[in-house]
Amino acid sequence: MLGLSANLNYYLFNGNNVIQIQTWVVLIANFLITVLLRKIKRHCAFSQIVTMVRLTLMYYIDFISFMENPDKAWLEITGKKNQKAPPEPTLFD
C-alpha cells in the first residue's frame, strides 16, 4: 500500500507536472472569476469578487444577486426582517 502511494506521488508531483497543474488551476479560476465579474452589473474589484467567492463558496446562494444587492440578499439569507422568535414555553406547559 505504501509503495502505491509513493509511486502515485512520484508521478503526480514531480517538478514539471506540478507547475503545469498549478498553472491550469490558476487560469481556470481566473477565467471563472472574470465571468462572474462581467455578469455582475454593479462595479466590483476583482479582489473583492475573489474574497467573496472564497467566503461564500460552501454556501448555496445566488452569488450574482448577492453581489448586486448585498443588503437585500443578506436579509433573505438570514431570514425575514420582521420574523418573530417562537414563543418560549412556560414552566407549566
PDB file of N, CA and C in Angstrom:
ATOM      1  N   MET A   1       0.821  -1.189   0.000  1.00  0.00           N
ATOM      2  CA  MET A   1       0.000   0.000   0.000  1.00  0.00           C
ATOM      3  C   MET A   1       0.869   1.258   0.000  1.00  0.00           C
ATOM      4  N   LEU A   2       1.918   1.244   0.777  1.00  0.00           N
ATOM      5  CA  LEU A   2       2.812   2.391   0.835  1.00  0.00           C
ATOM      6  C   LEU A   2       3.524   2.583  -0.494  1.00  0.00           C
ATOM      7  N   GLY A   3       3.839   1.491  -1.159  1.00  0.00           N
ATOM      8  CA  GLY A   3       4.521   1.594  -2.445  1.00  0.00           C
ATOM      9  C   GLY A   3       3.647   2.243  -3.506  1.00  0.00           C
ATOM     10  N   LEU A   4       2.328   1.960  -3.482  1.00  0.00           N
ATOM     11  CA  LEU A   4       1.418   2.544  -4.451  1.00  0.00           C
ATOM     12  C   LEU A   4       1.313   4.051  -4.255  1.00  0.00           C
ATOM     13  N   SER A   5       1.163   4.497  -3.015  1.00  0.00           N
ATOM     14  CA  SER A   5       1.050   5.944  -2.788  1.00  0.00           C
ATOM     15  C   SER A   5       2.378   6.644  -3.085  1.00  0.00           C
ATOM     16  N   ALA A   6       3.486   5.979  -2.827  1.00  0.00           N
ATOM     17  CA  ALA A   6       4.782   6.589  -3.153  1.00  0.00           C
ATOM     18  C   ALA A   6       4.921   6.733  -4.660  1.00  0.00           C
ATOM     19  N   ASN A   7       4.500   5.710  -5.441  1.00  0.00           N
ATOM     20  CA  ASN A   7       4.554   5.813  -6.897  1.00  0.00           C
ATOM     21  C   ASN A   7       3.603   6.892  -7.411  1.00  0.00           C
ATOM     22  N   LEU A   8       2.423   6.994  -6.806  1.00  0.00           N
ATOM     23  CA  LEU A   8       1.448   7.994  -7.216  1.00  0.00           C
ATOM     24  C   LEU A   8       1.996   9.395  -6.965  1.00  0.00           C
ATOM     25  N   ASN A   9       2.604   9.607  -5.811  1.00  0.00           N
ATOM     26  CA  ASN A   9       3.190  10.905  -5.513  1.00  0.00           C
ATOM     27  C   ASN A   9       4.326  11.233  -6.473  1.00  0.00           C
ATOM     28  N   TYR A  10       5.080  10.240  -6.851  1.00  0.00           N
ATOM     29  CA  TYR A  10       6.200  10.472  -7.768  1.00  0.00           C
ATOM     30  C   TYR A  10       5.693  10.957  -9.120  1.00  0.00           C
ATOM     31  N   TYR A  11       4.635  10.314  -9.644  1.00  0.00           N
ATOM     32  CA  TYR A  11       4.154  10.675 -10.971  1.00  0.00           C
ATOM     33  C   TYR A  11       3.317  11.946 -10.963  1.00  0.00           C
ATOM     34  N   LEU A  12       2.553  12.203  -9.911  1.00  0.00           N
ATOM     35  CA  LEU A  12       1.701  13.382  -9.889  1.00  0.00           C
ATOM     36  C   LEU A  12       2.448  14.646  -9.480  1.00  0.00           C
ATOM     37  N   PHE A  13       3.433  14.522  -8.649  1.00  0.00           N
ATOM     38  CA  PHE A  13       4.017  15.707  -8.046  1.00  0.00           C
ATOM     39  C   PHE A  13       5.488  15.906  -8.393  1.00  0.00           C
ATOM     40  N   ASN A  14       5.892  15.481  -9.571  1.00  0.00           N
ATOM     41  CA  ASN A  14       7.249  15.823  -9.977  1.00  0.00           C
ATOM     42  C   ASN A  14       7.260  17.253 -10.508  1.00  0.00           C
ATOM     43  N   GLY A  15       8.400  17.833 -10.706  1.00  0.00           N
ATOM     44  CA  GLY A  15       8.564  19.255 -10.974  1.00  0.00           C
ATOM     45  C   GLY A  15       7.706  19.841 -12.080  1.00  0.00           C
ATOM     46  N   ASN A  16       7.795  19.327 -13.293  1.00  0.00           N
ATOM     47  CA  ASN A  16       7.070  19.917 -14.413  1.00  0.00           C
ATOM     48  C   ASN A  16       5.562  19.730 -14.280  1.00  0.00           C
ATOM     49  N   ASN A  17       5.142  18.581 -13.808  1.00  0.00           N
ATOM     50  CA  ASN A  17       3.719  18.302 -13.693  1.00  0.00           C
ATOM     51  C   ASN A  17       3.061  19.221 -12.671  1.00  0.00           C
ATOM     52  N   VAL A  18       3.721  19.485 -11.572  1.00  0.00           N
ATOM     53  CA  VAL A  18       3.161  20.363 -10.544  1.00  0.00           C
ATOM     54  C   VAL A  18       2.983  21.773 -11.086  1.00  0.00           C
ATOM     55  N   ILE A  19       3.947  22.258 -11.786  1.00  0.00           N
ATOM     56  CA  ILE A  19       3.869  23.612 -12.339  1.00  0.00           C
ATOM     57  C   ILE A  19       2.744  23.704 -13.361  1.00  0.00           C
ATOM     58  N   GLN A  20       2.600  22.692 -14.194  1.00  0.00           N
ATOM     59  CA  GLN A  20       1.526  22.699 -15.185  1.00  0.00           C
ATOM     60  C   GLN A  20       0.157  22.637 -14.523  1.00  0.00           C
ATOM     61  N   ILE A  21      -0.003  21.782 -13.519  1.00  0.00           N
ATOM     62  CA  ILE A  21      -1.286  21.661 -12.820  1.00  0.00           C
ATOM     63  C   ILE A  21      -1.641  22.983 -12.151  1.00  0.00           C
ATOM     64  N   GLN A  22      -0.706  23.581 -11.437  1.00  0.00           N
ATOM     65  CA  GLN A  22      -0.981  24.847 -10.757  1.00  0.00           C
ATOM     66  C   GLN A  22      -1.290  25.958 -11.751  1.00  0.00           C
ATOM     67  N   THR A  23      -0.607  25.972 -12.874  1.00  0.00           N
ATOM     68  CA  THR A  23      -0.868  26.991 -13.890  1.00  0.00           C
ATOM     69  C   THR A  23      -2.271  26.852 -14.448  1.00  0.00           C
ATOM     70  N   TRP A  24      -2.678  25.626 -14.775  1.00  0.00           N
ATOM     71  CA  TRP A  24      -4.023  25.414 -15.308  1.00  0.00           C
ATOM     72  C   TRP A  24      -5.099  25.739 -14.274  1.00  0.00           C
ATOM     73  N   VAL A  25      -4.870  25.382 -13.031  1.00  0.00           N
ATOM     74  CA  VAL A  25      -5.846  25.684 -11.977  1.00  0.00           C
ATOM     75  C   VAL A  25      -6.009  27.189 -11.824  1.00  0.00           C
ATOM     76  N   VAL A  26      -4.911  27.926 -11.826  1.00  0.00           N
ATOM     77  CA  VAL A  26      -4.980  29.384 -11.697  1.00  0.00           C
ATOM     78  C   VAL A  26      -5.664  30.004 -12.906  1.00  0.00           C
ATOM     79  N   LEU A  27      -5.371  29.528 -14.103  1.00  0.00           N
ATOM     80  CA  LEU A  27      -6.006  30.067 -15.301  1.00  0.00           C
ATOM     81  C   LEU A  27      -7.512  29.809 -15.312  1.00  0.00           C
ATOM     82  N   ILE A  28      -7.921  28.612 -14.929  1.00  0.00           N
ATOM     83  CA  ILE A  28      -9.347  28.277 -14.892  1.00  0.00           C
ATOM     84  C   ILE A  28     -10.065  29.096 -13.821  1.00  0.00           C
ATOM     85  N   ALA A  29      -9.464  29.219 -12.633  1.00  0.00           N
ATOM     86  CA  ALA A  29     -10.067  30.019 -11.562  1.00  0.00           C
ATOM     87  C   ALA A  29     -10.169  31.480 -11.980  1.00  0.00           C
ATOM     88  N   ASN A  30      -9.133  32.007 -12.606  1.00  0.00           N
ATOM     89  CA  ASN A  30      -9.145  33.387 -13.077  1.00  0.00           C
ATOM     90  C   ASN A  30     -10.242  33.598 -14.120  1.00  0.00           C
ATOM     91  N   PHE A  31     -10.410  32.660 -15.016  1.00  0.00           N
ATOM     92  CA  PHE A  31     -11.452  32.746 -16.032  1.00  0.00           C
ATOM     93  C   PHE A  31     -12.840  32.733 -15.396  1.00  0.00           C
ATOM     94  N   LEU A  32     -13.079  31.833 -14.441  1.00  0.00           N
ATOM     95  CA  LEU A  32     -14.391  31.753 -13.794  1.00  0.00           C
ATOM     96  C   LEU A  32     -14.710  33.019 -12.998  1.00  0.00           C
ATOM     97  N   ILE A  33     -13.722  33.580 -12.317  1.00  0.00           N
ATOM     98  CA  ILE A  33     -13.934  34.821 -11.573  1.00  0.00           C
ATOM     99  C   ILE A  33     -14.217  35.973 -12.543  1.00  0.00           C
ATOM    100  N   THR A  34     -13.526  35.999 -13.689  1.00  0.00           N
ATOM    101  CA  THR A  34     -13.765  37.037 -14.686  1.00  0.00           C
ATOM    102  C   THR A  34     -15.176  36.932 -15.256  1.00  0.00           C
ATOM    103  N   VAL A  35     -15.666  35.718 -15.476  1.00  0.00           N
ATOM    104  CA  VAL A  35     -17.039  35.530 -15.946  1.00  0.00           C
ATOM    105  C   VAL A  35     -18.028  36.063 -14.912  1.00  0.00           C
ATOM    106  N   LEU A  36     -17.809  35.756 -13.639  1.00  0.00           N
ATOM    107  CA  LEU A  36     -18.675  36.286 -12.588  1.00  0.00           C
ATOM    108  C   LEU A  36     -18.620  37.812 -12.547  1.00  0.00           C
ATOM    109  N   LEU A  37     -17.441  38.363 -12.668  1.00  0.00           N
ATOM    110  CA  LEU A  37     -17.255  39.813 -12.611  1.00  0.00           C
ATOM    111  C   LEU A  37     -18.024  40.507 -13.739  1.00  0.00           C
ATOM    112  N   ARG A  38     -18.038  39.919 -14.902  1.00  0.00           N
ATOM    113  CA  ARG A  38     -18.741  40.536 -16.042  1.00  0.00           C
ATOM    114  C   ARG A  38     -20.246  40.375 -15.947  1.00  0.00           C
ATOM    115  N   LYS A  39     -20.734  39.353 -15.227  1.00  0.00           N
ATOM    116  CA  LYS A  39     -22.175  39.167 -15.084  1.00  0.00           C
ATOM    117  C   LYS A  39     -22.781  40.098 -14.042  1.00  0.00           C
ATOM    118  N   ILE A  40     -21.961  40.581 -13.125  1.00  0.00           N
ATOM    119  CA  ILE A  40     -22.456  41.464 -12.077  1.00  0.00           C
ATOM    120  C   ILE A  40     -22.569  42.877 -12.651  1.00  0.00           C
ATOM    121  N   LYS A  41     -23.747  43.474 -12.510  1.00  0.00           N
ATOM    122  CA  LYS A  41     -23.986  44.804 -13.073  1.00  0.00           C
ATOM    123  C   LYS A  41     -23.308  45.896 -12.257  1.00  0.00           C
ATOM    124  N   ARG A  42     -23.148  45.672 -10.988  1.00  0.00           N
ATOM    125  CA  ARG A  42     -22.522  46.646 -10.096  1.00  0.00           C
ATOM    126  C   ARG A  42     -21.004  46.569 -10.250  1.00  0.00           C
ATOM    127  N   HIS A  43     -20.326  47.709 -10.158  1.00  0.00           N
ATOM    128  CA  HIS A  43     -18.870  47.705 -10.289  1.00  0.00           C
ATOM    129  C   HIS A  43     -18.230  47.120  -9.032  1.00  0.00           C
ATOM    130  N   CYS A  44     -17.425  46.098  -9.213  1.00  0.00           N
ATOM    131  CA  CYS A  44     -16.709  45.458  -8.112  1.00  0.00           C
ATOM    132  C   CYS A  44     -15.276  45.215  -8.556  1.00  0.00           C
ATOM    133  N   ALA A  45     -14.372  45.274  -7.612  1.00  0.00           N
ATOM    134  CA  ALA A  45     -12.974  44.977  -7.913  1.00  0.00           C
ATOM    135  C   ALA A  45     -12.787  43.467  -8.017  1.00  0.00           C
ATOM    136  N   PHE A  46     -11.804  43.064  -8.800  1.00  0.00           N
ATOM    137  CA  PHE A  46     -11.510  41.639  -8.967  1.00  0.00           C
ATOM    138  C   PHE A  46     -11.172  41.002  -7.617  1.00  0.00           C
ATOM    139  N   SER A  47     -10.390  41.702  -6.805  1.00  0.00           N
ATOM    140  CA  SER A  47     -10.014  41.158  -5.496  1.00  0.00           C
ATOM    141  C   SER A  47     -11.216  41.015  -4.578  1.00  0.00           C
ATOM    142  N   GLN A  48     -12.202  41.908  -4.715  1.00  0.00           N
ATOM    143  CA  GLN A  48     -13.421  41.805  -3.908  1.00  0.00           C
ATOM    144  C   GLN A  48     -14.217  40.567  -4.303  1.00  0.00           C
ATOM    145  N   ILE A  49     -14.310  40.305  -5.590  1.00  0.00           N
ATOM    146  CA  ILE A  49     -15.028  39.108  -6.053  1.00  0.00           C
ATOM    147  C   ILE A  49     -14.324  37.848  -5.570  1.00  0.00           C
ATOM    148  N   VAL A  50     -13.003  37.833  -5.654  1.00  0.00           N
ATOM    149  CA  VAL A  50     -12.237  36.664  -5.207  1.00  0.00           C
ATOM    150  C   VAL A  50     -12.471  36.424  -3.718  1.00  0.00           C
ATOM    151  N   THR A  51     -12.452  37.486  -2.930  1.00  0.00           N
ATOM    152  CA  THR A  51     -12.668  37.348  -1.490  1.00  0.00           C
ATOM    153  C   THR A  51     -14.075  36.846  -1.194  1.00  0.00           C
ATOM    154  N   MET A  52     -15.072  37.401  -1.863  1.00  0.00           N
ATOM    155  CA  MET A  52     -16.447  36.976  -1.608  1.00  0.00           C
ATOM    156  C   MET A  52     -16.693  35.544  -2.081  1.00  0.00           C
ATOM    157  N   VAL A  53     -16.075  35.147  -3.173  1.00  0.00           N
ATOM    158  CA  VAL A  53     -16.195  33.748  -3.618  1.00  0.00           C
ATOM    159  C   VAL A  53     -15.568  32.830  -2.576  1.00  0.00           C
ATOM    160  N   ARG A  54     -14.419  33.224  -2.066  1.00  0.00           N
ATOM    161  CA  ARG A  54     -13.749  32.407  -1.055  1.00  0.00           C
ATOM    162  C   ARG A  54     -14.606  32.270   0.203  1.00  0.00           C
ATOM    163  N   LEU A  55     -15.280  33.348   0.601  1.00  0.00           N
ATOM    164  CA  LEU A  55     -16.078  33.319   1.824  1.00  0.00           C
ATOM    165  C   LEU A  55     -17.412  32.606   1.652  1.00  0.00           C
ATOM    166  N   THR A  56     -17.972  32.633   0.446  1.00  0.00           N
ATOM    167  CA  THR A  56     -19.306  32.055   0.235  1.00  0.00           C
ATOM    168  C   THR A  56     -19.279  30.772  -0.575  1.00  0.00           C
ATOM    169  N   LEU A  57     -18.128  30.201  -0.779  1.00  0.00           N
ATOM    170  CA  LEU A  57     -18.008  29.042  -1.662  1.00  0.00           C
ATOM    171  C   LEU A  57     -18.805  27.842  -1.175  1.00  0.00           C
ATOM    172  N   MET A  58     -18.897  27.652   0.125  1.00  0.00           N
ATOM    173  CA  MET A  58     -19.570  26.472   0.653  1.00  0.00           C
ATOM    174  C   MET A  58     -21.045  26.696   0.968  1.00  0.00           C
ATOM    175  N   TYR A  59     -21.586  27.839   0.563  1.00  0.00           N
ATOM    176  CA  TYR A  59     -22.989  28.138   0.831  1.00  0.00           C
ATOM    177  C   TYR A  59     -23.751  28.166  -0.475  1.00  0.00           C
ATOM    178  N   TYR A  60     -25.002  27.745  -0.422  1.00  0.00           N
ATOM    179  CA  TYR A  60     -25.842  27.727  -1.613  1.00  0.00           C
ATOM    180  C   TYR A  60     -26.592  29.053  -1.690  1.00  0.00           C
ATOM    181  N   ILE A  61     -25.996  30.021  -2.396  1.00  0.00           N
ATOM    182  CA  ILE A  61     -26.633  31.320  -2.582  1.00  0.00           C
ATOM    183  C   ILE A  61     -26.522  31.708  -4.048  1.00  0.00           C
ATOM    184  N   ASP A  62     -27.375  32.638  -4.453  1.00  0.00           N
ATOM    185  CA  ASP A  62     -27.266  33.213  -5.790  1.00  0.00           C
ATOM    186  C   ASP A  62     -26.206  34.302  -5.710  1.00  0.00           C
ATOM    187  N   PHE A  63     -25.002  33.979  -6.118  1.00  0.00           N
ATOM    188  CA  PHE A  63     -23.858  34.864  -5.910  1.00  0.00           C
ATOM    189  C   PHE A  63     -24.005  36.176  -6.668  1.00  0.00           C
ATOM    190  N   ILE A  64     -24.538  36.134  -7.874  1.00  0.00           N
ATOM    191  CA  ILE A  64     -24.651  37.350  -8.674  1.00  0.00           C
ATOM    192  C   ILE A  64     -25.635  38.316  -8.028  1.00  0.00           C
ATOM    193  N   SER A  65     -26.804  37.836  -7.600  1.00  0.00           N
ATOM    194  CA  SER A  65     -27.752  38.730  -6.934  1.00  0.00           C
ATOM    195  C   SER A  65     -27.216  39.185  -5.580  1.00  0.00           C
ATOM    196  N   PHE A  66     -26.438  38.336  -4.925  1.00  0.00           N
ATOM    197  CA  PHE A  66     -25.825  38.728  -3.660  1.00  0.00           C
ATOM    198  C   PHE A  66     -24.851  39.879  -3.857  1.00  0.00           C
ATOM    199  N   MET A  67     -24.072  39.858  -4.909  1.00  0.00           N
ATOM    200  CA  MET A  67     -23.104  40.920  -5.149  1.00  0.00           C
ATOM    201  C   MET A  67     -23.760  42.190  -5.691  1.00  0.00           C
ATOM    202  N   GLU A  68     -24.881  42.047  -6.393  1.00  0.00           N
ATOM    203  CA  GLU A  68     -25.559  43.234  -6.913  1.00  0.00           C
ATOM    204  C   GLU A  68     -26.292  44.002  -5.821  1.00  0.00           C
ATOM    205  N   ASN A  69     -26.897  43.295  -4.890  1.00  0.00           N
ATOM    206  CA  ASN A  69     -27.615  43.948  -3.800  1.00  0.00           C
ATOM    207  C   ASN A  69     -27.358  43.157  -2.519  1.00  0.00           C
ATOM    208  N   PRO A  70     -26.217  43.367  -1.878  1.00  0.00           N
ATOM    209  CA  PRO A  70     -25.851  42.534  -0.729  1.00  0.00           C
ATOM    210  C   PRO A  70     -26.770  42.688   0.475  1.00  0.00           C
ATOM    211  N   ASP A  71     -27.300  43.894   0.704  1.00  0.00           N
ATOM    212  CA  ASP A  71     -28.173  44.080   1.868  1.00  0.00           C
ATOM    213  C   ASP A  71     -29.454  43.270   1.743  1.00  0.00           C
ATOM    214  N   LYS A  72     -30.099  43.348   0.600  1.00  0.00           N
ATOM    215  CA  LYS A  72     -31.333  42.603   0.369  1.00  0.00           C
ATOM    216  C   LYS A  72     -31.076  41.095   0.412  1.00  0.00           C
ATOM    217  N   ALA A  73     -30.020  40.661  -0.234  1.00  0.00           N
ATOM    218  CA  ALA A  73     -29.702  39.231  -0.261  1.00  0.00           C
ATOM    219  C   ALA A  73     -29.364  38.719   1.135  1.00  0.00           C
ATOM    220  N   TRP A  74     -28.667  39.534   1.933  1.00  0.00           N
ATOM    221  CA  TRP A  74     -28.315  39.108   3.282  1.00  0.00           C
ATOM    222  C   TRP A  74     -29.556  38.937   4.139  1.00  0.00           C
ATOM    223  N   LEU A  75     -30.533  39.837   3.992  1.00  0.00           N
ATOM    224  CA  LEU A  75     -31.786  39.705   4.740  1.00  0.00           C
ATOM    225  C   LEU A  75     -32.546  38.449   4.320  1.00  0.00           C
ATOM    226  N   GLU A  76     -32.501  38.130   3.031  1.00  0.00           N
ATOM    227  CA  GLU A  76     -33.161  36.904   2.569  1.00  0.00           C
ATOM    228  C   GLU A  76     -32.453  35.661   3.091  1.00  0.00           C
ATOM    229  N   ILE A  77     -31.136  35.721   3.182  1.00  0.00           N
ATOM    230  CA  ILE A  77     -30.384  34.557   3.657  1.00  0.00           C
ATOM    231  C   ILE A  77     -30.631  34.335   5.142  1.00  0.00           C
ATOM    232  N   THR A  78     -30.568  35.390   5.920  1.00  0.00           N
ATOM    233  CA  THR A  78     -30.684  35.251   7.377  1.00  0.00           C
ATOM    234  C   THR A  78     -32.118  35.166   7.852  1.00  0.00           C
ATOM    235  N   GLY A  79     -33.069  35.420   7.005  1.00  0.00           N
ATOM    236  CA  GLY A  79     -34.475  35.349   7.394  1.00  0.00           C
ATOM    237  C   GLY A  79     -35.164  36.652   7.097  1.00  0.00           C
ATOM    238  N   LYS A  80     -36.429  36.671   7.343  1.00  0.00           N
ATOM    239  CA  LYS A  80     -37.222  37.865   7.070  1.00  0.00           C
ATOM    240  C   LYS A  80     -36.937  38.947   8.098  1.00  0.00           C
ATOM    241  N   LYS A  81     -37.235  40.198   7.731  1.00  0.00           N
ATOM    242  CA  LYS A  81     -36.968  41.342   8.606  1.00  0.00           C
ATOM    243  C   LYS A  81     -37.746  41.250   9.911  1.00  0.00           C
ATOM    244  N   ASN A  82     -39.024  41.009   9.795  1.00  0.00           N
ATOM    245  CA  ASN A  82     -39.901  41.060  10.962  1.00  0.00           C
ATOM    246  C   ASN A  82     -40.266  39.680  11.481  1.00  0.00           C
ATOM    247  N   GLN A  83     -39.436  38.728  11.237  1.00  0.00           N
ATOM    248  CA  GLN A  83     -39.730  37.373  11.693  1.00  0.00           C
ATOM    249  C   GLN A  83     -39.589  37.329  13.206  1.00  0.00           C
ATOM    250  N   LYS A  84     -40.643  36.888  13.854  1.00  0.00           N
ATOM    251  CA  LYS A  84     -40.643  36.836  15.309  1.00  0.00           C
ATOM    252  C   LYS A  84     -40.086  35.505  15.787  1.00  0.00           C
ATOM    253  N   ALA A  85     -39.482  35.553  16.945  1.00  0.00           N
ATOM    254  CA  ALA A  85     -38.971  34.322  17.555  1.00  0.00           C
ATOM    255  C   ALA A  85     -40.152  33.475  18.012  1.00  0.00           C
ATOM    256  N   PRO A  86     -40.003  32.167  18.042  1.00  0.00           N
ATOM    257  CA  PRO A  86     -41.103  31.329  18.529  1.00  0.00           C
ATOM    258  C   PRO A  86     -41.355  31.622  20.004  1.00  0.00           C
ATOM    259  N   PRO A  87     -42.595  31.450  20.435  1.00  0.00           N
ATOM    260  CA  PRO A  87     -42.896  31.750  21.847  1.00  0.00           C
ATOM    261  C   PRO A  87     -42.155  30.792  22.781  1.00  0.00           C
ATOM    262  N   GLU A  88     -41.691  31.338  23.877  1.00  0.00           N
ATOM    263  CA  GLU A  88     -40.993  30.493  24.841  1.00  0.00           C
ATOM    264  C   GLU A  88     -42.008  29.746  25.680  1.00  0.00           C
ATOM    265  N   PRO A  89     -41.757  28.472  25.900  1.00  0.00           N
ATOM    266  CA  PRO A  89     -42.705  27.719  26.737  1.00  0.00           C
ATOM    267  C   PRO A  89     -42.610  28.175  28.192  1.00  0.00           C
ATOM    268  N   THR A  90     -43.765  28.124  28.840  1.00  0.00           N
ATOM    269  CA  THR A  90     -43.766  28.465  30.256  1.00  0.00           C
ATOM    270  C   THR A  90     -43.357  27.255  31.056  1.00  0.00           C
ATOM    271  N   LEU A  91     -43.153  27.477  32.310  1.00  0.00           N
ATOM    272  CA  LEU A  91     -42.683  26.393  33.181  1.00  0.00           C
ATOM    273  C   LEU A  91     -43.694  25.267  33.288  1.00  0.00           C
ATOM    274  N   PHE A  92     -45.011  25.590  33.202  1.00  0.00           N
ATOM    275  CA  PHE A  92     -46.042  24.578  33.450  1.00  0.00           C
ATOM    276  C   PHE A  92     -46.758  24.143  32.183  1.00  0.00           C
ATOM    277  N   ASP A  93     -46.162  24.322  31.019  1.00  0.00           N
ATOM    278  CA  ASP A  93     -46.785  23.854  29.767  1.00  0.00           C
ATOM    279  C   ASP A  93     -46.559  22.393  29.558  1.00  0.00           C
TER     280      ASP A  93
END
